[in-house]
Amino acid sequence: MKNVFLLVSVIVPVLHAGSSAAAQANGQALFESRCGMCHGLTPAPGKMGPPLKGVVGRKLGAAAGYNYSDALKRSKTTWSTARLDAFLAAPGKAAPGTKMMVGVSAADQRAAIIAYLSSQK
C-alpha cells in the first residue's frame, strides 16, 4: 500500500503539470486567434487595442500609450479574473461605452484566455 501511495504522489503532480502546460498552450492559441488581431502582449504597431501583458491586477484603462474610452479611463478598479471574464463575455454590457466590440461567448475559451493572460506578468 505504501508503494501505491508513493506512485500516486509522484504521478499525479506530473499529470497536473502536463495538463497545466496543455491549458497554457490552449489559452495562448486562443489569445492569438481570438484577440491577437487587435491586442498583443507588448505594444506593437498596428494593434488597435492596448497591450495585455500584466493586465491581471492592473488598473482599468492604465496601460501607457493607449487612448482608452472614457468608460475605462473613469474606472477606479483593477482587472481581476472575474472582471476580465465579465468583460470578455459582453464588453459593452460590462463597460458601457468601451471601444471593444468583440466578446468571447464560450466560457471555456474565456477561462483559457484569462489563464494565459494571468501567466503573462
Protein backbone atom coordinates (compact mmCIF):
# COMPACT_ATOMS: atom_id res chain seq x y z
CA MET A 1 0.00 0.00 0.00
CA LYS A 2 2.87 2.34 0.80
CA ASN A 3 4.26 1.81 -2.73
CA VAL A 4 0.90 2.69 -4.29
CA PHE A 5 0.75 5.94 -2.32
CA LEU A 6 4.30 6.76 -3.37
CA LEU A 7 3.50 6.04 -7.01
CA VAL A 8 0.35 8.20 -6.90
CA SER A 9 2.18 11.04 -5.16
CA VAL A 10 4.75 11.06 -7.98
CA ILE A 11 2.41 10.58 -10.96
CA VAL A 12 -0.41 13.00 -10.05
CA PRO A 13 1.80 16.13 -9.95
CA VAL A 14 3.37 15.14 -13.29
CA LEU A 15 -0.06 14.70 -14.88
CA HIS A 16 -1.22 18.01 -13.41
CA ALA A 17 1.86 19.79 -14.79
CA GLY A 18 1.17 18.29 -18.20
CA SER A 19 -2.46 19.39 -18.18
CA SER A 20 -1.40 22.83 -16.98
CA ALA A 21 1.05 23.11 -19.88
CA ALA A 22 -1.67 21.99 -22.29
CA ALA A 23 -4.11 24.54 -20.84
CA GLN A 24 -1.43 27.22 -21.18
CA ALA A 25 -0.85 26.31 -24.83
CA ASN A 26 -4.61 26.29 -25.48
CA GLY A 27 -5.00 29.70 -23.86
CA GLN A 28 -2.13 31.11 -25.90
CA ALA A 29 -3.57 29.70 -29.13
CA LEU A 30 -7.00 31.15 -28.30
CA PHE A 31 -5.47 34.51 -27.38
CA GLU A 32 -3.58 34.63 -30.67
CA SER A 33 -6.59 33.60 -32.78
CA ARG A 34 -9.38 35.46 -30.94
CA CYS A 35 -7.56 38.52 -29.56
CA GLY A 36 -4.30 38.82 -31.48
CA MET A 37 -5.64 40.88 -34.37
CA CYS A 38 -6.23 43.81 -32.01
CA HIS A 39 -4.06 43.02 -28.97
CA GLY A 40 -0.51 41.94 -28.30
CA LEU A 41 1.22 41.25 -25.04
CA THR A 42 3.51 44.22 -25.63
CA PRO A 43 2.91 47.44 -27.58
CA ALA A 44 3.01 46.75 -31.30
CA PRO A 45 2.45 48.95 -34.34
CA GLY A 46 -0.92 48.41 -35.99
CA LYS A 47 -2.67 46.95 -32.94
CA MET A 48 -5.99 48.66 -32.21
CA GLY A 49 -6.20 47.59 -28.57
CA PRO A 50 -3.88 48.04 -25.61
CA PRO A 51 -1.11 45.56 -24.75
CA LEU A 52 -2.27 42.88 -22.34
CA LYS A 53 0.90 41.67 -20.64
CA GLY A 54 0.34 42.17 -16.91
CA VAL A 55 -3.33 43.01 -17.38
CA VAL A 56 -4.49 40.90 -14.40
CA GLY A 57 -4.12 43.17 -11.39
CA ARG A 58 -3.65 46.34 -13.47
CA LYS A 59 -6.00 49.31 -13.09
CA LEU A 60 -8.56 49.51 -15.89
CA GLY A 61 -7.55 51.98 -18.59
CA ALA A 62 -3.95 52.27 -17.37
CA ALA A 63 -1.61 50.78 -19.99
CA ALA A 64 0.70 53.51 -21.22
CA GLY A 65 0.38 54.69 -24.79
CA TYR A 66 -3.21 53.66 -25.44
CA ASN A 67 -6.14 56.08 -25.75
CA TYR A 68 -8.79 54.31 -23.69
CA SER A 69 -12.51 55.00 -23.85
CA ASP A 70 -13.90 57.23 -21.11
CA ALA A 71 -15.69 54.14 -19.75
CA LEU A 72 -12.38 52.52 -18.85
CA LYS A 73 -10.45 55.69 -18.01
CA ARG A 74 -13.03 56.65 -15.36
CA SER A 75 -12.90 53.27 -13.65
CA LYS A 76 -11.22 53.05 -10.27
CA THR A 77 -10.98 49.25 -10.23
CA THR A 78 -8.44 46.70 -11.40
CA TRP A 79 -8.65 43.80 -13.81
CA SER A 80 -9.38 40.67 -11.79
CA THR A 81 -10.02 37.33 -13.45
CA ALA A 82 -13.74 37.73 -12.66
CA ARG A 83 -13.83 41.24 -14.16
CA LEU A 84 -11.99 40.02 -17.27
CA ASP A 85 -14.47 37.16 -17.61
CA ALA A 86 -17.45 39.52 -17.47
CA PHE A 87 -15.78 41.96 -19.86
CA LEU A 88 -14.85 39.28 -22.39
CA ALA A 89 -18.34 37.77 -22.20
CA ALA A 90 -20.04 41.10 -23.03
CA PRO A 91 -17.70 44.11 -23.32
CA GLY A 92 -20.46 46.68 -23.94
CA LYS A 93 -22.51 45.43 -21.01
CA ALA A 94 -19.56 45.24 -18.60
CA ALA A 95 -18.24 48.68 -19.57
CA PRO A 96 -20.84 50.72 -21.48
CA GLY A 97 -19.02 52.99 -23.91
CA THR A 98 -15.96 50.77 -24.31
CA LYS A 99 -14.24 50.66 -27.69
CA MET A 100 -14.07 46.87 -27.57
CA MET A 101 -16.95 45.38 -29.50
CA VAL A 102 -16.00 41.71 -29.84
CA GLY A 103 -16.54 39.30 -26.98
CA VAL A 104 -15.88 35.63 -26.36
CA SER A 105 -19.15 33.80 -25.73
CA ALA A 106 -17.74 30.39 -24.77
CA ALA A 107 -16.95 30.24 -21.04
CA ASP A 108 -14.22 27.62 -21.51
CA GLN A 109 -12.47 29.79 -24.10
CA ARG A 110 -12.66 32.84 -21.82
CA ALA A 111 -11.22 30.79 -18.97
CA ALA A 112 -8.33 29.57 -21.12
CA ILE A 113 -7.55 33.08 -22.40
CA ILE A 114 -7.70 34.52 -18.88
CA ALA A 115 -5.46 31.75 -17.54
CA TYR A 116 -2.94 32.54 -20.26
CA LEU A 117 -3.09 36.29 -19.58
CA SER A 118 -2.73 35.61 -15.85
CA SER A 119 0.57 33.87 -16.56
CA GLN A 120 1.92 36.85 -18.52
CA LYS A 121 3.33 39.07 -15.80
